PDB file of N, CA and C in Angstrom:
ATOM      1  N   MET A   1     -74.919-117.025 -15.517  1.00  0.00           N
ATOM      2  CA  MET A   1     -75.210-118.134 -14.685  1.00  0.00           C
ATOM      3  C   MET A   1     -76.783-118.253 -14.428  1.00  0.00           C
ATOM      4  N   ALA A   2     -77.180-119.424 -14.069  1.00  0.00           N
ATOM      5  CA  ALA A   2     -78.573-119.645 -13.802  1.00  0.00           C
ATOM      6  C   ALA A   2     -79.021-118.944 -12.587  1.00  0.00           C
ATOM      7  N   GLU A   3     -80.268-118.740 -12.471  1.00  0.00           N
ATOM      8  CA  GLU A   3     -80.962-118.054 -11.363  1.00  0.00           C
ATOM      9  C   GLU A   3     -81.243-118.990 -10.198  1.00  0.00           C
ATOM     10  N   ALA A   4     -81.295-118.501  -8.934  1.00  0.00           N
ATOM     11  CA  ALA A   4     -81.593-119.328  -7.832  1.00  0.00           C
ATOM     12  C   ALA A   4     -82.992-120.081  -8.136  1.00  0.00           C
ATOM     13  N   ASP A   5     -83.050-121.198  -7.600  1.00  0.00           N
ATOM     14  CA  ASP A   5     -84.214-122.096  -7.699  1.00  0.00           C
ATOM     15  C   ASP A   5     -84.368-122.664  -9.111  1.00  0.00           C
ATOM     16  N   GLU A   6     -83.427-122.400  -9.995  1.00  0.00           N
ATOM     17  CA  GLU A   6     -83.386-122.981 -11.361  1.00  0.00           C
ATOM     18  C   GLU A   6     -82.885-124.468 -11.194  1.00  0.00           C
ATOM     19  N   ILE A   7     -83.465-125.343 -12.023  1.00  0.00           N
ATOM     20  CA  ILE A   7     -82.938-126.719 -12.080  1.00  0.00           C
ATOM     21  C   ILE A   7     -81.706-126.740 -13.052  1.00  0.00           C
ATOM     22  N   VAL A   8     -80.601-127.439 -12.506  1.00  0.00           N
ATOM     23  CA  VAL A   8     -79.412-127.615 -13.321  1.00  0.00           C
ATOM     24  C   VAL A   8     -79.156-129.092 -13.406  1.00  0.00           C
ATOM     25  N   THR A   9     -78.916-129.508 -14.636  1.00  0.00           N
ATOM     26  CA  THR A   9     -78.688-130.943 -14.893  1.00  0.00           C
ATOM     27  C   THR A   9     -77.136-131.115 -15.062  1.00  0.00           C
ATOM     28  N   LEU A  10     -76.610-131.962 -14.248  1.00  0.00           N
ATOM     29  CA  LEU A  10     -75.123-132.306 -14.359  1.00  0.00           C
ATOM     30  C   LEU A  10     -75.010-133.777 -14.786  1.00  0.00           C
ATOM     31  N   VAL A  11     -73.905-134.067 -15.434  1.00  0.00           N
ATOM     32  CA  VAL A  11     -73.619-135.405 -15.932  1.00  0.00           C
ATOM     33  C   VAL A  11     -72.470-135.942 -15.212  1.00  0.00           C
ATOM     34  N   ASP A  12     -72.590-137.097 -14.621  1.00  0.00           N
ATOM     35  CA  ASP A  12     -71.508-137.707 -13.838  1.00  0.00           C
ATOM     36  C   ASP A  12     -70.503-138.519 -14.710  1.00  0.00           C
ATOM     37  N   GLU A  13     -69.541-139.135 -14.076  1.00  0.00           N
ATOM     38  CA  GLU A  13     -68.474-139.821 -14.814  1.00  0.00           C
ATOM     39  C   GLU A  13     -68.952-141.028 -15.719  1.00  0.00           C
ATOM     40  N   GLU A  14     -70.078-141.523 -15.297  1.00  0.00           N
ATOM     41  CA  GLU A  14     -70.698-142.655 -16.035  1.00  0.00           C
ATOM     42  C   GLU A  14     -71.634-142.092 -17.177  1.00  0.00           C
ATOM     43  N   GLY A  15     -71.798-140.840 -17.295  1.00  0.00           N
ATOM     44  CA  GLY A  15     -72.669-140.233 -18.343  1.00  0.00           C
ATOM     45  C   GLY A  15     -74.138-140.199 -17.879  1.00  0.00           C
ATOM     46  N   GLU A  16     -74.452-140.456 -16.566  1.00  0.00           N
ATOM     47  CA  GLU A  16     -75.740-140.339 -16.157  1.00  0.00           C
ATOM     48  C   GLU A  16     -76.021-138.854 -15.785  1.00  0.00           C
ATOM     49  N   GLU A  17     -77.344-138.409 -16.114  1.00  0.00           N
ATOM     50  CA  GLU A  17     -77.766-137.097 -15.761  1.00  0.00           C
ATOM     51  C   GLU A  17     -78.410-137.053 -14.348  1.00  0.00           C
ATOM     52  N   HIS A  18     -78.102-135.974 -13.635  1.00  0.00           N
ATOM     53  CA  HIS A  18     -78.683-135.725 -12.279  1.00  0.00           C
ATOM     54  C   HIS A  18     -79.104-134.327 -12.206  1.00  0.00           C
ATOM     55  N   ASP A  19     -80.367-134.113 -11.707  1.00  0.00           N
ATOM     56  CA  ASP A  19     -80.890-132.788 -11.543  1.00  0.00           C
ATOM     57  C   ASP A  19     -80.596-132.231 -10.157  1.00  0.00           C
ATOM     58  N   PHE A  20     -80.328-130.911 -10.135  1.00  0.00           N
ATOM     59  CA  PHE A  20     -80.069-130.208  -8.856  1.00  0.00           C
ATOM     60  C   PHE A  20     -80.835-128.873  -8.992  1.00  0.00           C
ATOM     61  N   THR A  21     -81.172-128.390  -7.696  1.00  0.00           N
ATOM     62  CA  THR A  21     -81.780-127.062  -7.636  1.00  0.00           C
ATOM     63  C   THR A  21     -80.624-126.090  -7.226  1.00  0.00           C
ATOM     64  N   LEU A  22     -80.435-125.028  -8.006  1.00  0.00           N
ATOM     65  CA  LEU A  22     -79.462-124.016  -7.594  1.00  0.00           C
ATOM     66  C   LEU A  22     -80.010-123.157  -6.510  1.00  0.00           C
ATOM     67  N   ILE A  23     -79.360-123.301  -5.305  1.00  0.00           N
ATOM     68  CA  ILE A  23     -79.852-122.628  -4.140  1.00  0.00           C
ATOM     69  C   ILE A  23     -79.257-121.159  -4.139  1.00  0.00           C
ATOM     70  N   GLU A  24     -77.957-121.093  -4.372  1.00  0.00           N
ATOM     71  CA  GLU A  24     -77.355-119.752  -4.208  1.00  0.00           C
ATOM     72  C   GLU A  24     -75.993-119.784  -5.008  1.00  0.00           C
ATOM     73  N   VAL A  25     -75.662-118.673  -5.497  1.00  0.00           N
ATOM     74  CA  VAL A  25     -74.280-118.411  -6.031  1.00  0.00           C
ATOM     75  C   VAL A  25     -73.640-117.405  -4.988  1.00  0.00           C
ATOM     76  N   ILE A  26     -72.457-117.938  -4.496  1.00  0.00           N
ATOM     77  CA  ILE A  26     -71.820-117.004  -3.500  1.00  0.00           C
ATOM     78  C   ILE A  26     -70.380-116.723  -4.056  1.00  0.00           C
ATOM     79  N   GLU A  27     -69.888-115.566  -3.576  1.00  0.00           N
ATOM     80  CA  GLU A  27     -68.536-115.202  -3.959  1.00  0.00           C
ATOM     81  C   GLU A  27     -67.597-115.233  -2.812  1.00  0.00           C
ATOM     82  N   VAL A  28     -66.468-115.914  -2.968  1.00  0.00           N
ATOM     83  CA  VAL A  28     -65.469-116.055  -1.985  1.00  0.00           C
ATOM     84  C   VAL A  28     -64.126-115.747  -2.608  1.00  0.00           C
ATOM     85  N   ASP A  29     -63.364-114.736  -2.178  1.00  0.00           N
ATOM     86  CA  ASP A  29     -62.088-114.392  -2.679  1.00  0.00           C
ATOM     87  C   ASP A  29     -62.185-114.158  -4.216  1.00  0.00           C
ATOM     88  N   SER A  30     -63.135-113.447  -4.638  1.00  0.00           N
ATOM     89  CA  SER A  30     -63.318-113.077  -6.023  1.00  0.00           C
ATOM     90  C   SER A  30     -63.654-114.204  -6.956  1.00  0.00           C
ATOM     91  N   THR A  31     -64.051-115.334  -6.464  1.00  0.00           N
ATOM     92  CA  THR A  31     -64.448-116.492  -7.212  1.00  0.00           C
ATOM     93  C   THR A  31     -65.848-116.844  -6.916  1.00  0.00           C
ATOM     94  N   GLU A  32     -66.694-117.204  -7.881  1.00  0.00           N
ATOM     95  CA  GLU A  32     -68.058-117.560  -7.635  1.00  0.00           C
ATOM     96  C   GLU A  32     -68.206-119.092  -7.494  1.00  0.00           C
ATOM     97  N   TYR A  33     -69.101-119.535  -6.579  1.00  0.00           N
ATOM     98  CA  TYR A  33     -69.373-120.907  -6.325  1.00  0.00           C
ATOM     99  C   TYR A  33     -70.889-121.057  -6.283  1.00  0.00           C
ATOM    100  N   ALA A  34     -71.346-122.202  -6.864  1.00  0.00           N
ATOM    101  CA  ALA A  34     -72.818-122.574  -6.875  1.00  0.00           C
ATOM    102  C   ALA A  34     -73.053-123.593  -5.786  1.00  0.00           C
ATOM    103  N   ILE A  35     -74.091-123.351  -4.991  1.00  0.00           N
ATOM    104  CA  ILE A  35     -74.577-124.234  -4.028  1.00  0.00           C
ATOM    105  C   ILE A  35     -75.777-124.894  -4.598  1.00  0.00           C
ATOM    106  N   LEU A  36     -75.648-126.249  -4.686  1.00  0.00           N
ATOM    107  CA  LEU A  36     -76.773-127.072  -5.347  1.00  0.00           C
ATOM    108  C   LEU A  36     -77.266-128.070  -4.367  1.00  0.00           C
ATOM    109  N   LEU A  37     -78.658-128.365  -4.480  1.00  0.00           N
ATOM    110  CA  LEU A  37     -79.236-129.501  -3.771  1.00  0.00           C
ATOM    111  C   LEU A  37     -79.729-130.474  -4.831  1.00  0.00           C
ATOM    112  N   PRO A  38     -79.460-131.722  -4.551  1.00  0.00           N
ATOM    113  CA  PRO A  38     -79.942-132.780  -5.512  1.00  0.00           C
ATOM    114  C   PRO A  38     -81.511-132.850  -5.347  1.00  0.00           C
ATOM    115  N   THR A  39     -82.058-133.179  -6.529  1.00  0.00           N
ATOM    116  CA  THR A  39     -83.540-133.455  -6.468  1.00  0.00           C
ATOM    117  C   THR A  39     -83.848-134.836  -6.856  1.00  0.00           C
ATOM    118  N   ASP A  40     -84.898-135.323  -6.320  1.00  0.00           N
ATOM    119  CA  ASP A  40     -85.285-136.738  -6.602  1.00  0.00           C
ATOM    120  C   ASP A  40     -86.102-136.780  -7.902  1.00  0.00           C
ATOM    121  N   GLU A  41     -86.578-137.995  -8.254  1.00  0.00           N
ATOM    122  CA  GLU A  41     -87.328-138.103  -9.553  1.00  0.00           C
ATOM    123  C   GLU A  41     -88.662-137.354  -9.488  1.00  0.00           C
ATOM    124  N   ASN A  42     -89.107-136.920  -8.278  1.00  0.00           N
ATOM    125  CA  ASN A  42     -90.293-136.138  -8.172  1.00  0.00           C
ATOM    126  C   ASN A  42     -90.068-134.591  -8.146  1.00  0.00           C
ATOM    127  N   GLY A  43     -88.730-134.281  -8.262  1.00  0.00           N
ATOM    128  CA  GLY A  43     -88.378-132.879  -8.220  1.00  0.00           C
ATOM    129  C   GLY A  43     -88.224-132.330  -6.810  1.00  0.00           C
ATOM    130  N   GLU A  44     -88.263-133.181  -5.844  1.00  0.00           N
ATOM    131  CA  GLU A  44     -88.219-132.731  -4.434  1.00  0.00           C
ATOM    132  C   GLU A  44     -86.689-132.608  -4.048  1.00  0.00           C
ATOM    133  N   GLU A  45     -86.321-131.520  -3.358  1.00  0.00           N
ATOM    134  CA  GLU A  45     -84.992-131.312  -2.887  1.00  0.00           C
ATOM    135  C   GLU A  45     -84.632-132.110  -1.779  1.00  0.00           C
ATOM    136  N   ASN A  46     -83.363-132.634  -1.666  1.00  0.00           N
ATOM    137  CA  ASN A  46     -82.836-133.307  -0.535  1.00  0.00           C
ATOM    138  C   ASN A  46     -81.873-132.358   0.163  1.00  0.00           C
ATOM    139  N   SER A  47     -82.444-131.685   1.178  1.00  0.00           N
ATOM    140  CA  SER A  47     -81.785-130.523   1.807  1.00  0.00           C
ATOM    141  C   SER A  47     -80.594-130.945   2.662  1.00  0.00           C
ATOM    142  N   ASN A  48     -80.322-132.198   2.905  1.00  0.00           N
ATOM    143  CA  ASN A  48     -79.202-132.652   3.681  1.00  0.00           C
ATOM    144  C   ASN A  48     -77.929-132.888   2.884  1.00  0.00           C
ATOM    145  N   GLU A  49     -77.927-132.777   1.570  1.00  0.00           N
ATOM    146  CA  GLU A  49     -76.847-133.115   0.736  1.00  0.00           C
ATOM    147  C   GLU A  49     -76.446-132.073  -0.211  1.00  0.00           C
ATOM    148  N   ALA A  50     -76.298-130.873   0.184  1.00  0.00           N
ATOM    149  CA  ALA A  50     -75.851-129.709  -0.637  1.00  0.00           C
ATOM    150  C   ALA A  50     -74.446-130.068  -1.171  1.00  0.00           C
ATOM    151  N   ILE A  51     -74.273-129.664  -2.453  1.00  0.00           N
ATOM    152  CA  ILE A  51     -72.916-129.757  -2.995  1.00  0.00           C
ATOM    153  C   ILE A  51     -72.504-128.378  -3.405  1.00  0.00           C
ATOM    154  N   ILE A  52     -71.159-128.157  -3.481  1.00  0.00           N
ATOM    155  CA  ILE A  52     -70.612-126.846  -3.851  1.00  0.00           C
ATOM    156  C   ILE A  52     -69.657-127.114  -5.001  1.00  0.00           C
ATOM    157  N   LEU A  53     -69.886-126.298  -6.071  1.00  0.00           N
ATOM    158  CA  LEU A  53     -69.069-126.414  -7.334  1.00  0.00           C
ATOM    159  C   LEU A  53     -68.634-125.005  -7.645  1.00  0.00           C
ATOM    160  N   LYS A  54     -67.396-124.916  -8.178  1.00  0.00           N
ATOM    161  CA  LYS A  54     -66.747-123.663  -8.636  1.00  0.00           C
ATOM    162  C   LYS A  54     -67.356-123.357  -9.957  1.00  0.00           C
ATOM    163  N   LEU A  55     -67.745-122.012 -10.086  1.00  0.00           N
ATOM    164  CA  LEU A  55     -68.141-121.484 -11.342  1.00  0.00           C
ATOM    165  C   LEU A  55     -67.043-120.896 -12.194  1.00  0.00           C
ATOM    166  N   ILE A  56     -66.757-121.413 -13.305  1.00  0.00           N
ATOM    167  CA  ILE A  56     -65.693-120.874 -14.182  1.00  0.00           C
ATOM    168  C   ILE A  56     -66.246-120.714 -15.569  1.00  0.00           C
ATOM    169  N   GLN A  57     -65.519-120.008 -16.433  1.00  0.00           N
ATOM    170  CA  GLN A  57     -65.952-119.783 -17.851  1.00  0.00           C
ATOM    171  C   GLN A  57     -64.930-120.394 -18.752  1.00  0.00           C
ATOM    172  N   ASP A  58     -65.378-121.059 -19.765  1.00  0.00           N
ATOM    173  CA  ASP A  58     -64.497-121.633 -20.830  1.00  0.00           C
ATOM    174  C   ASP A  58     -64.100-120.556 -21.732  1.00  0.00           C
ATOM    175  N   GLU A  59     -63.246-120.895 -22.687  1.00  0.00           N
ATOM    176  CA  GLU A  59     -62.596-119.931 -23.665  1.00  0.00           C
ATOM    177  C   GLU A  59     -63.728-119.143 -24.427  1.00  0.00           C
ATOM    178  N   GLU A  60     -64.953-119.709 -24.623  1.00  0.00           N
ATOM    179  CA  GLU A  60     -66.030-119.123 -25.302  1.00  0.00           C
ATOM    180  C   GLU A  60     -66.918-118.298 -24.384  1.00  0.00           C
ATOM    181  N   GLY A  61     -66.656-118.225 -23.109  1.00  0.00           N
ATOM    182  CA  GLY A  61     -67.464-117.509 -22.234  1.00  0.00           C
ATOM    183  C   GLY A  61     -68.620-118.210 -21.640  1.00  0.00           C
ATOM    184  N   ASN A  62     -68.685-119.566 -21.844  1.00  0.00           N
ATOM    185  CA  ASN A  62     -69.800-120.350 -21.270  1.00  0.00           C
ATOM    186  C   ASN A  62     -69.537-120.687 -19.795  1.00  0.00           C
ATOM    187  N   ASP A  63     -70.561-120.617 -19.043  1.00  0.00           N
ATOM    188  CA  ASP A  63     -70.405-120.970 -17.632  1.00  0.00           C
ATOM    189  C   ASP A  63     -70.277-122.466 -17.482  1.00  0.00           C
ATOM    190  N   LEU A  64     -69.265-122.868 -16.628  1.00  0.00           N
ATOM    191  CA  LEU A  64     -69.108-124.292 -16.260  1.00  0.00           C
ATOM    192  C   LEU A  64     -69.018-124.462 -14.826  1.00  0.00           C
ATOM    193  N   LEU A  65     -69.473-125.563 -14.338  1.00  0.00           N
ATOM    194  CA  LEU A  65     -69.428-125.925 -12.942  1.00  0.00           C
ATOM    195  C   LEU A  65     -68.457-127.037 -12.805  1.00  0.00           C
ATOM    196  N   VAL A  66     -67.423-126.853 -11.918  1.00  0.00           N
ATOM    197  CA  VAL A  66     -66.321-127.845 -11.775  1.00  0.00           C
ATOM    198  C   VAL A  66     -66.140-128.152 -10.261  1.00  0.00           C
ATOM    199  N   ASP A  67     -65.615-129.345 -10.027  1.00  0.00           N
ATOM    200  CA  ASP A  67     -65.310-129.719  -8.643  1.00  0.00           C
ATOM    201  C   ASP A  67     -64.284-128.816  -8.058  1.00  0.00           C
ATOM    202  N   ILE A  68     -64.262-128.605  -6.786  1.00  0.00           N
ATOM    203  CA  ILE A  68     -63.223-127.905  -6.075  1.00  0.00           C
ATOM    204  C   ILE A  68     -62.195-128.891  -5.615  1.00  0.00           C
ATOM    205  N   GLU A  69     -60.959-128.819  -6.287  1.00  0.00           N
ATOM    206  CA  GLU A  69     -59.948-129.813  -5.959  1.00  0.00           C
ATOM    207  C   GLU A  69     -59.216-129.550  -4.674  1.00  0.00           C
ATOM    208  N   ASP A  70     -59.128-128.328  -4.245  1.00  0.00           N
ATOM    209  CA  ASP A  70     -58.291-127.996  -3.056  1.00  0.00           C
ATOM    210  C   ASP A  70     -59.109-128.038  -1.794  1.00  0.00           C
ATOM    211  N   ASP A  71     -58.708-128.829  -0.867  1.00  0.00           N
ATOM    212  CA  ASP A  71     -59.435-129.012   0.452  1.00  0.00           C
ATOM    213  C   ASP A  71     -59.610-127.722   1.215  1.00  0.00           C
ATOM    214  N   ASP A  72     -58.538-126.885   1.214  1.00  0.00           N
ATOM    215  CA  ASP A  72     -58.614-125.619   1.944  1.00  0.00           C
ATOM    216  C   ASP A  72     -59.639-124.665   1.284  1.00  0.00           C
ATOM    217  N   GLU A  73     -59.601-124.630  -0.055  1.00  0.00           N
ATOM    218  CA  GLU A  73     -60.580-123.838  -0.802  1.00  0.00           C
ATOM    219  C   GLU A  73     -62.056-124.314  -0.413  1.00  0.00           C
ATOM    220  N   TRP A  74     -62.203-125.639  -0.488  1.00  0.00           N
ATOM    221  CA  TRP A  74     -63.567-126.153  -0.222  1.00  0.00           C
ATOM    222  C   TRP A  74     -63.951-125.768   1.217  1.00  0.00           C
ATOM    223  N   GLU A  75     -63.127-125.919   2.187  1.00  0.00           N
ATOM    224  CA  GLU A  75     -63.487-125.593   3.567  1.00  0.00           C
ATOM    225  C   GLU A  75     -63.804-124.164   3.676  1.00  0.00           C
ATOM    226  N   LYS A  76     -63.101-123.275   2.985  1.00  0.00           N
ATOM    227  CA  LYS A  76     -63.341-121.764   3.066  1.00  0.00           C
ATOM    228  C   LYS A  76     -64.756-121.498   2.531  1.00  0.00           C
ATOM    229  N   VAL A  77     -65.080-122.089   1.388  1.00  0.00           N
ATOM    230  CA  VAL A  77     -66.317-121.770   0.742  1.00  0.00           C
ATOM    231  C   VAL A  77     -67.503-122.447   1.629  1.00  0.00           C
ATOM    232  N   ALA A  78     -67.362-123.597   2.102  1.00  0.00           N
ATOM    233  CA  ALA A  78     -68.274-124.275   2.888  1.00  0.00           C
ATOM    234  C   ALA A  78     -68.601-123.436   4.196  1.00  0.00           C
ATOM    235  N   GLY A  79     -67.506-122.955   4.784  1.00  0.00           N
ATOM    236  CA  GLY A  79     -67.690-122.086   5.885  1.00  0.00           C
ATOM    237  C   GLY A  79     -68.406-120.801   5.608  1.00  0.00           C
ATOM    238  N   ALA A  80     -68.094-120.137   4.542  1.00  0.00           N
ATOM    239  CA  ALA A  80     -68.775-118.978   4.091  1.00  0.00           C
ATOM    240  C   ALA A  80     -70.274-119.157   3.935  1.00  0.00           C
ATOM    241  N   TYR A  81     -70.600-120.388   3.275  1.00  0.00           N
ATOM    242  CA  TYR A  81     -72.020-120.658   3.123  1.00  0.00           C
ATOM    243  C   TYR A  81     -72.746-120.939   4.464  1.00  0.00           C
ATOM    244  N   GLU A  82     -72.102-121.658   5.276  1.00  0.00           N
ATOM    245  CA  GLU A  82     -72.666-121.921   6.581  1.00  0.00           C
ATOM    246  C   GLU A  82     -72.917-120.662   7.318  1.00  0.00           C
ATOM    247  N   GLU A  83     -71.974-119.751   7.339  1.00  0.00           N
ATOM    248  CA  GLU A  83     -72.163-118.460   8.012  1.00  0.00           C
ATOM    249  C   GLU A  83     -73.428-117.738   7.403  1.00  0.00           C
ATOM    250  N   MET A  84     -73.559-117.797   6.062  1.00  0.00           N
ATOM    251  CA  MET A  84     -74.642-117.038   5.406  1.00  0.00           C
ATOM    252  C   MET A  84     -75.970-117.710   5.723  1.00  0.00           C
ATOM    253  N   ILE A  85     -76.079-118.902   5.945  1.00  0.00           N
ATOM    254  CA  ILE A  85     -77.385-119.573   6.221  1.00  0.00           C
ATOM    255  C   ILE A  85     -77.669-119.633   7.681  1.00  0.00           C
ATOM    256  N   GLU A  86     -76.711-119.481   8.625  1.00  0.00           N
ATOM    257  CA  GLU A  86     -77.044-119.576  10.086  1.00  0.00           C
ATOM    258  C   GLU A  86     -78.146-118.683  10.544  1.00  0.00           C
ATOM    259  N   PRO A  87     -78.185-117.377  10.098  1.00  0.00           N
ATOM    260  CA  PRO A  87     -79.344-116.584  10.552  1.00  0.00           C
ATOM    261  C   PRO A  87     -80.685-117.135  10.073  1.00  0.00           C
ATOM    262  N   GLU A  88     -80.706-117.757   8.878  1.00  0.00           N
ATOM    263  CA  GLU A  88     -81.916-118.278   8.313  1.00  0.00           C
ATOM    264  C   GLU A  88     -82.501-119.447   9.182  1.00  0.00           C
ATOM    265  N   GLU A  89     -81.500-120.212   9.790  1.00  0.00           N
ATOM    266  CA  GLU A  89     -81.912-121.449  10.472  1.00  0.00           C
ATOM    267  C   GLU A  89     -82.409-121.162  11.855  1.00  0.00           C
ATOM    268  N   GLU A  90     -82.076-119.999  12.400  1.00  0.00           N
ATOM    269  CA  GLU A  90     -82.549-119.675  13.808  1.00  0.00           C
ATOM    270  C   GLU A  90     -83.907-119.164  13.909  1.00  0.00           C
TER     271      GLU A  90
END
């Protein structure tokens, strides 16, 4: 997987590319999740719009980032990330 602060380019449903900064990879219940911040055209991060994607591997061992389909899973991961960053915000 990419290292923290690395730029990751994702392609949306319309085929458009969007750049994100990888903030952190966290593990919840033995599954890894990537925390990403969108970047604007100047490479500046938008810290108010973090997204969380599940990190999986395909049959060939390549890392893939996928949406979290289950609401309970998403809430658990978002809560774990919030707990992790709370001390940093104080």
